[in-house]
């Protein structure tokens, strides 16, 4: 199982980080978790064969998690993609899809076949030897999903955007790699939106993953990397890593 970090930043501009996107390759399956702005370019930079991707999971419909999807679709069309692209996302996908394909860019409907699956809160998707489990996250008023990808006894959990919540902790329990957001530093912030370093330390303490990758990080978090990693790692023996664009990990 291989994990490629395509975009590790937020909506705040960062010269070294684009928006959210993680590619997981396992058991002959390539699946994309989120596809924010810049992710298509990162896939090209990393040498990914775009036509090998048959499954895209979008956690929620904030711009920084889905804005490159249509650019990705157009690239597949121009590359002669002759398969069905499987798209999985929360229920808001229905309205988003109508806006994109029926109003904004109707020509794409004829260029690429996209099969859409609405994800329930606790869905389990079987993709051959790979299993993807979902859980709801707590992210303002928008319905969102976290994902656990499992293959051959190994597991990766991607939190997407979330404040600390029981559902994500349960999904992440015992994972080999927990990729969890840490959008901002400790301090006064709106409740129920994102996770801070101290909050992530508590999540890790309960979930006990083998490795923690701090993701979805703003420039202020990057500037305090040493302090943030120390805070997140204070209650765990797990290795703590600050994600970087184009970084890869293997299990």
C-alpha atoms as a PDB file:
ATOM      1  CA  UNK A   1       0.000   0.000   0.000  1.00  0.00           C
ATOM      2  CA  UNK A   2       1.398   3.360  -1.074  1.00  0.00           C
ATOM      3  CA  UNK A   3       0.165   6.815  -0.050  1.00  0.00           C
ATOM      4  CA  UNK A   4       1.082   9.928  -2.034  1.00  0.00           C
ATOM      5  CA  UNK A   5       0.400  13.348  -0.533  1.00  0.00           C
ATOM      6  CA  UNK A   6      -0.591  15.523  -3.469  1.00  0.00           C
ATOM      7  CA  UNK A   7      -1.943  18.540  -1.596  1.00  0.00           C
ATOM      8  CA  UNK A   8      -1.369  19.233   2.090  1.00  0.00           C
ATOM      9  CA  UNK A   9      -2.380  22.866   2.454  1.00  0.00           C
ATOM     10  CA  UNK A  10      -5.562  24.816   3.065  1.00  0.00           C
ATOM     11  CA  UNK A  11      -7.422  27.542   1.192  1.00  0.00           C
ATOM     12  CA  UNK A  12      -4.785  30.029   2.375  1.00  0.00           C
ATOM     13  CA  UNK A  13      -2.153  30.599  -0.332  1.00  0.00           C
ATOM     14  CA  UNK A  14       1.109  28.754   0.289  1.00  0.00           C
ATOM     15  CA  UNK A  15       3.932  28.636  -2.302  1.00  0.00           C
ATOM     16  CA  UNK A  16       4.862  25.081  -1.285  1.00  0.00           C
ATOM     17  CA  UNK A  17       1.445  23.508  -0.720  1.00  0.00           C
ATOM     18  CA  UNK A  18      -1.640  23.117  -2.857  1.00  0.00           C
ATOM     19  CA  UNK A  19      -5.093  22.153  -1.603  1.00  0.00           C
ATOM     20  CA  UNK A  20      -6.290  18.767  -0.394  1.00  0.00           C
ATOM     21  CA  UNK A  21      -5.573  15.529  -2.210  1.00  0.00           C
ATOM     22  CA  UNK A  22      -4.222  12.081  -1.292  1.00  0.00           C
ATOM     23  CA  UNK A  23      -3.629   9.179  -3.687  1.00  0.00           C
ATOM     24  CA  UNK A  24      -3.754   5.618  -2.318  1.00  0.00           C
ATOM     25  CA  UNK A  25      -2.482   2.685  -4.375  1.00  0.00           C
ATOM     26  CA  UNK A  26      -3.141  -0.830  -3.122  1.00  0.00           C
ATOM     27  CA  UNK A  27      -3.999  -4.216  -4.580  1.00  0.00           C
ATOM     28  CA  UNK A  28      -3.866  -2.904  -8.128  1.00  0.00           C
ATOM     29  CA  UNK A  29      -6.413  -0.171  -7.254  1.00  0.00           C
ATOM     30  CA  UNK A  30      -5.684   3.570  -7.432  1.00  0.00           C
ATOM     31  CA  UNK A  31      -8.077   5.818  -5.557  1.00  0.00           C
ATOM     32  CA  UNK A  32      -8.035   9.554  -5.022  1.00  0.00           C
ATOM     33  CA  UNK A  33      -9.194  11.076  -1.741  1.00  0.00           C
ATOM     34  CA  UNK A  34     -10.212  14.682  -2.461  1.00  0.00           C
ATOM     35  CA  UNK A  35      -9.075  16.716  -5.420  1.00  0.00           C
ATOM     36  CA  UNK A  36      -8.606  20.361  -4.452  1.00  0.00           C
ATOM     37  CA  UNK A  37      -6.974  23.102  -6.488  1.00  0.00           C
ATOM     38  CA  UNK A  38      -3.473  22.148  -7.625  1.00  0.00           C
ATOM     39  CA  UNK A  39      -3.900  18.408  -7.157  1.00  0.00           C
ATOM     40  CA  UNK A  40      -4.056  17.685 -10.892  1.00  0.00           C
ATOM     41  CA  UNK A  41      -0.721  19.463 -11.366  1.00  0.00           C
ATOM     42  CA  UNK A  42       0.805  17.548  -8.440  1.00  0.00           C
ATOM     43  CA  UNK A  43      -0.299  14.245  -9.992  1.00  0.00           C
ATOM     44  CA  UNK A  44       1.428  15.264 -13.209  1.00  0.00           C
ATOM     45  CA  UNK A  45       4.569  16.276 -11.326  1.00  0.00           C
ATOM     46  CA  UNK A  46       4.699  12.954  -9.492  1.00  0.00           C
ATOM     47  CA  UNK A  47       4.365  10.923 -12.685  1.00  0.00           C
ATOM     48  CA  UNK A  48       0.995   9.401 -11.821  1.00  0.00           C
ATOM     49  CA  UNK A  49      -0.763   7.745 -14.750  1.00  0.00           C
ATOM     50  CA  UNK A  50      -4.053   9.631 -14.592  1.00  0.00           C
ATOM     51  CA  UNK A  51      -5.822   6.931 -16.563  1.00  0.00           C
ATOM     52  CA  UNK A  52      -5.040   4.378 -13.837  1.00  0.00           C
ATOM     53  CA  UNK A  53      -7.403   6.144 -11.425  1.00  0.00           C
ATOM     54  CA  UNK A  54     -10.909   4.692 -11.440  1.00  0.00           C
ATOM     55  CA  UNK A  55     -12.192   5.815  -8.035  1.00  0.00           C
ATOM     56  CA  UNK A  56     -12.471   9.329  -6.581  1.00  0.00           C
ATOM     57  CA  UNK A  57     -13.765   9.983  -3.067  1.00  0.00           C
ATOM     58  CA  UNK A  58     -14.715  13.570  -2.233  1.00  0.00           C
ATOM     59  CA  UNK A  59     -15.056  14.198   1.495  1.00  0.00           C
ATOM     60  CA  UNK A  60     -17.175  17.343   1.169  1.00  0.00           C
ATOM     61  CA  UNK A  61     -17.933  20.167  -1.191  1.00  0.00           C
ATOM     62  CA  UNK A  62     -15.793  23.015   0.048  1.00  0.00           C
ATOM     63  CA  UNK A  63     -13.771  24.408  -2.851  1.00  0.00           C
ATOM     64  CA  UNK A  64     -10.379  23.296  -1.531  1.00  0.00           C
ATOM     65  CA  UNK A  65     -11.466  19.644  -1.614  1.00  0.00           C
ATOM     66  CA  UNK A  66     -13.180  19.350  -4.977  1.00  0.00           C
ATOM     67  CA  UNK A  67     -12.233  22.212  -7.314  1.00  0.00           C
ATOM     68  CA  UNK A  68      -9.874  20.187  -9.560  1.00  0.00           C
ATOM     69  CA  UNK A  69     -12.387  17.405 -10.190  1.00  0.00           C
ATOM     70  CA  UNK A  70     -13.693  18.819 -13.465  1.00  0.00           C
ATOM     71  CA  UNK A  71     -10.180  19.649 -14.670  1.00  0.00           C
ATOM     72  CA  UNK A  72      -9.254  16.056 -13.886  1.00  0.00           C
ATOM     73  CA  UNK A  73     -12.254  14.803 -15.878  1.00  0.00           C
ATOM     74  CA  UNK A  74     -11.348  16.946 -18.864  1.00  0.00           C
ATOM     75  CA  UNK A  75      -7.768  15.649 -18.752  1.00  0.00           C
ATOM     76  CA  UNK A  76      -9.032  12.058 -18.715  1.00  0.00           C
ATOM     77  CA  UNK A  77     -11.211  12.763 -21.757  1.00  0.00           C
ATOM     78  CA  UNK A  78      -8.293  14.275 -23.670  1.00  0.00           C
ATOM     79  CA  UNK A  79      -6.131  11.279 -22.718  1.00  0.00           C
ATOM     80  CA  UNK A  80      -8.662   8.885 -24.242  1.00  0.00           C
ATOM     81  CA  UNK A  81      -9.964   7.456 -20.970  1.00  0.00           C
ATOM     82  CA  UNK A  82     -12.326   4.621 -21.896  1.00  0.00           C
ATOM     83  CA  UNK A  83     -13.479   3.456 -18.467  1.00  0.00           C
ATOM     84  CA  UNK A  84     -16.162   4.573 -16.051  1.00  0.00           C
ATOM     85  CA  UNK A  85     -14.888   6.959 -13.386  1.00  0.00           C
ATOM     86  CA  UNK A  86     -16.480   6.092 -10.044  1.00  0.00           C
ATOM     87  CA  UNK A  87     -17.230   9.112  -7.847  1.00  0.00           C
ATOM     88  CA  UNK A  88     -18.198   8.719  -4.179  1.00  0.00           C
ATOM     89  CA  UNK A  89     -19.313  11.657  -2.031  1.00  0.00           C
ATOM     90  CA  UNK A  90     -21.879  12.840   0.558  1.00  0.00           C
ATOM     91  CA  UNK A  91     -25.481  13.617  -0.487  1.00  0.00           C
ATOM     92  CA  UNK A  92     -24.692  17.203  -1.521  1.00  0.00           C
ATOM     93  CA  UNK A  93     -23.117  15.634  -4.586  1.00  0.00           C
ATOM     94  CA  UNK A  94     -26.557  15.594  -6.221  1.00  0.00           C
ATOM     95  CA  UNK A  95     -26.863  19.408  -6.259  1.00  0.00           C
ATOM     96  CA  UNK A  96     -23.165  19.946  -6.985  1.00  0.00           C
ATOM     97  CA  UNK A  97     -23.276  17.544  -9.909  1.00  0.00           C
ATOM     98  CA  UNK A  98     -26.347  19.174 -11.420  1.00  0.00           C
ATOM     99  CA  UNK A  99     -24.694  22.568 -11.184  1.00  0.00           C
ATOM    100  CA  UNK A 100     -21.502  21.343 -12.829  1.00  0.00           C
ATOM    101  CA  UNK A 101     -22.866  19.045 -15.524  1.00  0.00           C
ATOM    102  CA  UNK A 102     -26.301  20.505 -16.267  1.00  0.00           C
ATOM    103  CA  UNK A 103     -25.559  24.226 -15.973  1.00  0.00           C
ATOM    104  CA  UNK A 104     -21.870  25.117 -16.011  1.00  0.00           C
ATOM    105  CA  UNK A 105     -20.179  22.516 -18.229  1.00  0.00           C
ATOM    106  CA  UNK A 106     -22.796  20.327 -19.943  1.00  0.00           C
ATOM    107  CA  UNK A 107     -20.376  19.361 -22.727  1.00  0.00           C
ATOM    108  CA  UNK A 108     -18.467  17.142 -20.268  1.00  0.00           C
ATOM    109  CA  UNK A 109     -21.469  14.825 -19.866  1.00  0.00           C
ATOM    110  CA  UNK A 110     -20.786  13.466 -23.336  1.00  0.00           C
ATOM    111  CA  UNK A 111     -17.030  13.207 -22.907  1.00  0.00           C
ATOM    112  CA  UNK A 112     -16.631  11.016 -19.825  1.00  0.00           C
ATOM    113  CA  UNK A 113     -18.847   8.495 -18.086  1.00  0.00           C
ATOM    114  CA  UNK A 114     -18.994   9.231 -14.339  1.00  0.00           C
ATOM    115  CA  UNK A 115     -20.892   6.864 -12.059  1.00  0.00           C
ATOM    116  CA  UNK A 116     -21.930   8.635  -8.847  1.00  0.00           C
ATOM    117  CA  UNK A 117     -22.455   6.919  -5.483  1.00  0.00           C
ATOM    118  CA  UNK A 118     -23.883   8.866  -2.548  1.00  0.00           C
ATOM    119  CA  UNK A 119     -22.097   7.918   0.667  1.00  0.00           C
ATOM    120  CA  UNK A 120     -24.142   7.242   3.769  1.00  0.00           C
ATOM    121  CA  UNK A 121     -22.606   8.141   7.114  1.00  0.00           C
ATOM    122  CA  UNK A 122     -21.135   4.693   7.783  1.00  0.00           C
ATOM    123  CA  UNK A 123     -20.770   3.216   4.321  1.00  0.00           C
ATOM    124  CA  UNK A 124     -18.397   0.393   3.399  1.00  0.00           C
ATOM    125  CA  UNK A 125     -17.261   0.243  -0.227  1.00  0.00           C
ATOM    126  CA  UNK A 126     -15.555  -2.865  -1.601  1.00  0.00           C
ATOM    127  CA  UNK A 127     -13.167  -2.221  -4.489  1.00  0.00           C
ATOM    128  CA  UNK A 128     -11.825  -5.659  -5.253  1.00  0.00           C
ATOM    129  CA  UNK A 129      -9.256  -6.433  -2.523  1.00  0.00           C
ATOM    130  CA  UNK A 130      -9.497  -2.896  -1.109  1.00  0.00           C
ATOM    131  CA  UNK A 131     -12.137  -1.836   1.421  1.00  0.00           C
ATOM    132  CA  UNK A 132     -13.043   1.806   2.061  1.00  0.00           C
ATOM    133  CA  UNK A 133     -15.047   2.576   5.213  1.00  0.00           C
ATOM    134  CA  UNK A 134     -16.535   5.975   5.934  1.00  0.00           C
ATOM    135  CA  UNK A 135     -17.565   7.996   8.974  1.00  0.00           C
ATOM    136  CA  UNK A 136     -19.178  11.420   9.368  1.00  0.00           C
ATOM    137  CA  UNK A 137     -16.971  14.269  10.509  1.00  0.00           C
ATOM    138  CA  UNK A 138     -17.786  17.471  12.375  1.00  0.00           C
ATOM    139  CA  UNK A 139     -17.100  20.344  10.013  1.00  0.00           C
ATOM    140  CA  UNK A 140     -19.301  23.376  10.513  1.00  0.00           C
ATOM    141  CA  UNK A 141     -22.736  22.825   8.960  1.00  0.00           C
ATOM    142  CA  UNK A 142     -21.494  20.893   5.920  1.00  0.00           C
ATOM    143  CA  UNK A 143     -21.903  17.132   5.723  1.00  0.00           C
ATOM    144  CA  UNK A 144     -18.485  15.543   5.374  1.00  0.00           C
ATOM    145  CA  UNK A 145     -16.786  12.131   5.473  1.00  0.00           C
ATOM    146  CA  UNK A 146     -13.569  10.611   6.756  1.00  0.00           C
ATOM    147  CA  UNK A 147     -12.187   7.507   5.015  1.00  0.00           C
ATOM    148  CA  UNK A 148     -10.416   4.342   6.147  1.00  0.00           C
ATOM    149  CA  UNK A 149      -8.694   2.390   3.372  1.00  0.00           C
ATOM    150  CA  UNK A 150      -7.722  -1.214   4.139  1.00  0.00           C
ATOM    151  CA  UNK A 151      -5.810  -3.805   2.165  1.00  0.00           C
ATOM    152  CA  UNK A 152      -3.963  -6.971   3.140  1.00  0.00           C
ATOM    153  CA  UNK A 153      -4.141  -6.195   6.860  1.00  0.00           C
ATOM    154  CA  UNK A 154      -2.884  -2.614   6.503  1.00  0.00           C
ATOM    155  CA  UNK A 155      -4.946   0.522   7.033  1.00  0.00           C
ATOM    156  CA  UNK A 156      -4.815   4.249   6.346  1.00  0.00           C
ATOM    157  CA  UNK A 157      -7.290   6.786   7.726  1.00  0.00           C
ATOM    158  CA  UNK A 158      -7.844  10.200   6.169  1.00  0.00           C
ATOM    159  CA  UNK A 159      -9.814  12.572   8.395  1.00  0.00           C
ATOM    160  CA  UNK A 160     -10.438  15.293   5.827  1.00  0.00           C
ATOM    161  CA  UNK A 161     -11.748  18.455   7.572  1.00  0.00           C
ATOM    162  CA  UNK A 162     -13.068  17.924  11.064  1.00  0.00           C
ATOM    163  CA  UNK A 163     -13.164  19.124  14.615  1.00  0.00           C
ATOM    164  CA  UNK A 164     -12.479  16.392  17.184  1.00  0.00           C
ATOM    165  CA  UNK A 165     -15.310  13.857  17.075  1.00  0.00           C
ATOM    166  CA  UNK A 166     -16.015  10.355  18.321  1.00  0.00           C
ATOM    167  CA  UNK A 167     -16.778   8.984  14.858  1.00  0.00           C
ATOM    168  CA  UNK A 168     -13.356   9.810  13.437  1.00  0.00           C
ATOM    169  CA  UNK A 169     -11.582   8.486  16.533  1.00  0.00           C
ATOM    170  CA  UNK A 170     -13.436   5.177  16.185  1.00  0.00           C
ATOM    171  CA  UNK A 171     -12.652   4.993  12.470  1.00  0.00           C
ATOM    172  CA  UNK A 172      -8.972   5.690  13.154  1.00  0.00           C
ATOM    173  CA  UNK A 173      -8.503   3.294  16.069  1.00  0.00           C
ATOM    174  CA  UNK A 174      -5.524   1.025  15.446  1.00  0.00           C
ATOM    175  CA  UNK A 175      -4.807   2.382  11.956  1.00  0.00           C
ATOM    176  CA  UNK A 176      -1.278   2.006  10.646  1.00  0.00           C
ATOM    177  CA  UNK A 177      -1.315   5.611   9.415  1.00  0.00           C
ATOM    178  CA  UNK A 178      -3.649   8.365  10.571  1.00  0.00           C
ATOM    179  CA  UNK A 179      -3.685  11.370   8.225  1.00  0.00           C
ATOM    180  CA  UNK A 180      -5.418  14.024  10.297  1.00  0.00           C
ATOM    181  CA  UNK A 181      -6.022  17.685   9.723  1.00  0.00           C
ATOM    182  CA  UNK A 182      -4.490  20.366  11.934  1.00  0.00           C
ATOM    183  CA  UNK A 183      -5.748  23.536  10.348  1.00  0.00           C
ATOM    184  CA  UNK A 184      -4.720  26.008  13.009  1.00  0.00           C
ATOM    185  CA  UNK A 185      -2.646  26.530  16.154  1.00  0.00           C
ATOM    186  CA  UNK A 186      -4.032  26.284  19.670  1.00  0.00           C
ATOM    187  CA  UNK A 187      -6.121  29.312  20.584  1.00  0.00           C
ATOM    188  CA  UNK A 188      -9.600  30.759  20.268  1.00  0.00           C
ATOM    189  CA  UNK A 189     -11.351  29.463  17.167  1.00  0.00           C
ATOM    190  CA  UNK A 190     -14.908  28.706  16.046  1.00  0.00           C
ATOM    191  CA  UNK A 191     -16.145  25.464  17.572  1.00  0.00           C
ATOM    192  CA  UNK A 192     -16.901  22.390  15.518  1.00  0.00           C
ATOM    193  CA  UNK A 193     -14.860  23.260  12.425  1.00  0.00           C
ATOM    194  CA  UNK A 194     -11.183  22.220  12.593  1.00  0.00           C
ATOM    195  CA  UNK A 195      -8.591  20.632  14.889  1.00  0.00           C
ATOM    196  CA  UNK A 196      -5.705  22.220  16.797  1.00  0.00           C
ATOM    197  CA  UNK A 197      -2.443  20.520  17.872  1.00  0.00           C
ATOM    198  CA  UNK A 198      -3.583  19.931  21.468  1.00  0.00           C
ATOM    199  CA  UNK A 199      -6.892  18.507  20.258  1.00  0.00           C
ATOM    200  CA  UNK A 200      -5.078  16.248  17.819  1.00  0.00           C
ATOM    201  CA  UNK A 201      -2.885  14.988  20.671  1.00  0.00           C
ATOM    202  CA  UNK A 202      -6.035  13.784  22.459  1.00  0.00           C
ATOM    203  CA  UNK A 203      -7.351  12.134  19.298  1.00  0.00           C
ATOM    204  CA  UNK A 204      -4.069  10.278  18.808  1.00  0.00           C
ATOM    205  CA  UNK A 205      -4.015   9.208  22.449  1.00  0.00           C
ATOM    206  CA  UNK A 206      -7.414   7.543  22.036  1.00  0.00           C
ATOM    207  CA  UNK A 207      -7.007   6.140  18.508  1.00  0.00           C
ATOM    208  CA  UNK A 208      -3.451   4.813  18.995  1.00  0.00           C
ATOM    209  CA  UNK A 209      -2.378   4.735  15.330  1.00  0.00           C
ATOM    210  CA  UNK A 210       1.044   3.493  14.305  1.00  0.00           C
ATOM    211  CA  UNK A 211       1.971   6.754  12.614  1.00  0.00           C
ATOM    212  CA  UNK A 212       0.416  10.239  12.547  1.00  0.00           C
ATOM    213  CA  UNK A 213       0.669  12.532   9.539  1.00  0.00           C
ATOM    214  CA  UNK A 214      -0.405  16.114  10.241  1.00  0.00           C
ATOM    215  CA  UNK A 215      -2.279  17.342   7.180  1.00  0.00           C
ATOM    216  CA  UNK A 216      -4.390  20.262   5.907  1.00  0.00           C
ATOM    217  CA  UNK A 217      -1.991  22.719   7.495  1.00  0.00           C
ATOM    218  CA  UNK A 218      -2.054  26.491   7.228  1.00  0.00           C
ATOM    219  CA  UNK A 219       1.078  28.655   6.919  1.00  0.00           C
ATOM    220  CA  UNK A 220       0.935  29.472  10.650  1.00  0.00           C
ATOM    221  CA  UNK A 221       1.102  25.758  11.491  1.00  0.00           C
ATOM    222  CA  UNK A 222       3.990  25.221   9.074  1.00  0.00           C
ATOM    223  CA  UNK A 223       5.884  28.085  10.732  1.00  0.00           C
ATOM    224  CA  UNK A 224       5.590  26.338  14.118  1.00  0.00           C
ATOM    225  CA  UNK A 225       6.402  22.831  12.842  1.00  0.00           C
ATOM    226  CA  UNK A 226       8.682  21.795  15.711  1.00  0.00           C
ATOM    227  CA  UNK A 227       6.246  23.020  18.371  1.00  0.00           C
ATOM    228  CA  UNK A 228       3.234  21.470  16.633  1.00  0.00           C
ATOM    229  CA  UNK A 229       4.880  18.047  16.269  1.00  0.00           C
ATOM    230  CA  UNK A 230       5.954  18.086  19.907  1.00  0.00           C
ATOM    231  CA  UNK A 231       2.408  18.925  21.030  1.00  0.00           C
ATOM    232  CA  UNK A 232       0.767  16.269  18.870  1.00  0.00           C
ATOM    233  CA  UNK A 233       3.284  13.635  19.955  1.00  0.00           C
ATOM    234  CA  UNK A 234       3.259  14.268  23.681  1.00  0.00           C
ATOM    235  CA  UNK A 235       0.747  11.494  24.457  1.00  0.00           C
ATOM    236  CA  UNK A 236       1.825   8.833  21.994  1.00  0.00           C
ATOM    237  CA  UNK A 237       4.719   6.671  20.942  1.00  0.00           C
ATOM    238  CA  UNK A 238       3.640   6.933  17.325  1.00  0.00           C
ATOM    239  CA  UNK A 239       5.886   8.687  14.853  1.00  0.00           C
ATOM    240  CA  UNK A 240       4.563  12.179  14.082  1.00  0.00           C
ATOM    241  CA  UNK A 241       5.177  13.659  10.631  1.00  0.00           C
ATOM    242  CA  UNK A 242       4.224  17.000   9.123  1.00  0.00           C
ATOM    243  CA  UNK A 243       2.886  16.272   5.634  1.00  0.00           C
ATOM    244  CA  UNK A 244       4.614  17.729   2.591  1.00  0.00           C
ATOM    245  CA  UNK A 245       3.351  17.938  -0.976  1.00  0.00           C
ATOM    246  CA  UNK A 246       4.699  15.029  -3.074  1.00  0.00           C
ATOM    247  CA  UNK A 247       5.710  13.055   0.017  1.00  0.00           C
ATOM    248  CA  UNK A 248       5.054   9.294  -0.198  1.00  0.00           C
ATOM    249  CA  UNK A 249       4.694   6.610   2.462  1.00  0.00           C
ATOM    250  CA  UNK A 250       4.509   2.844   2.000  1.00  0.00           C
ATOM    251  CA  UNK A 251       3.095   0.044   4.124  1.00  0.00           C
END
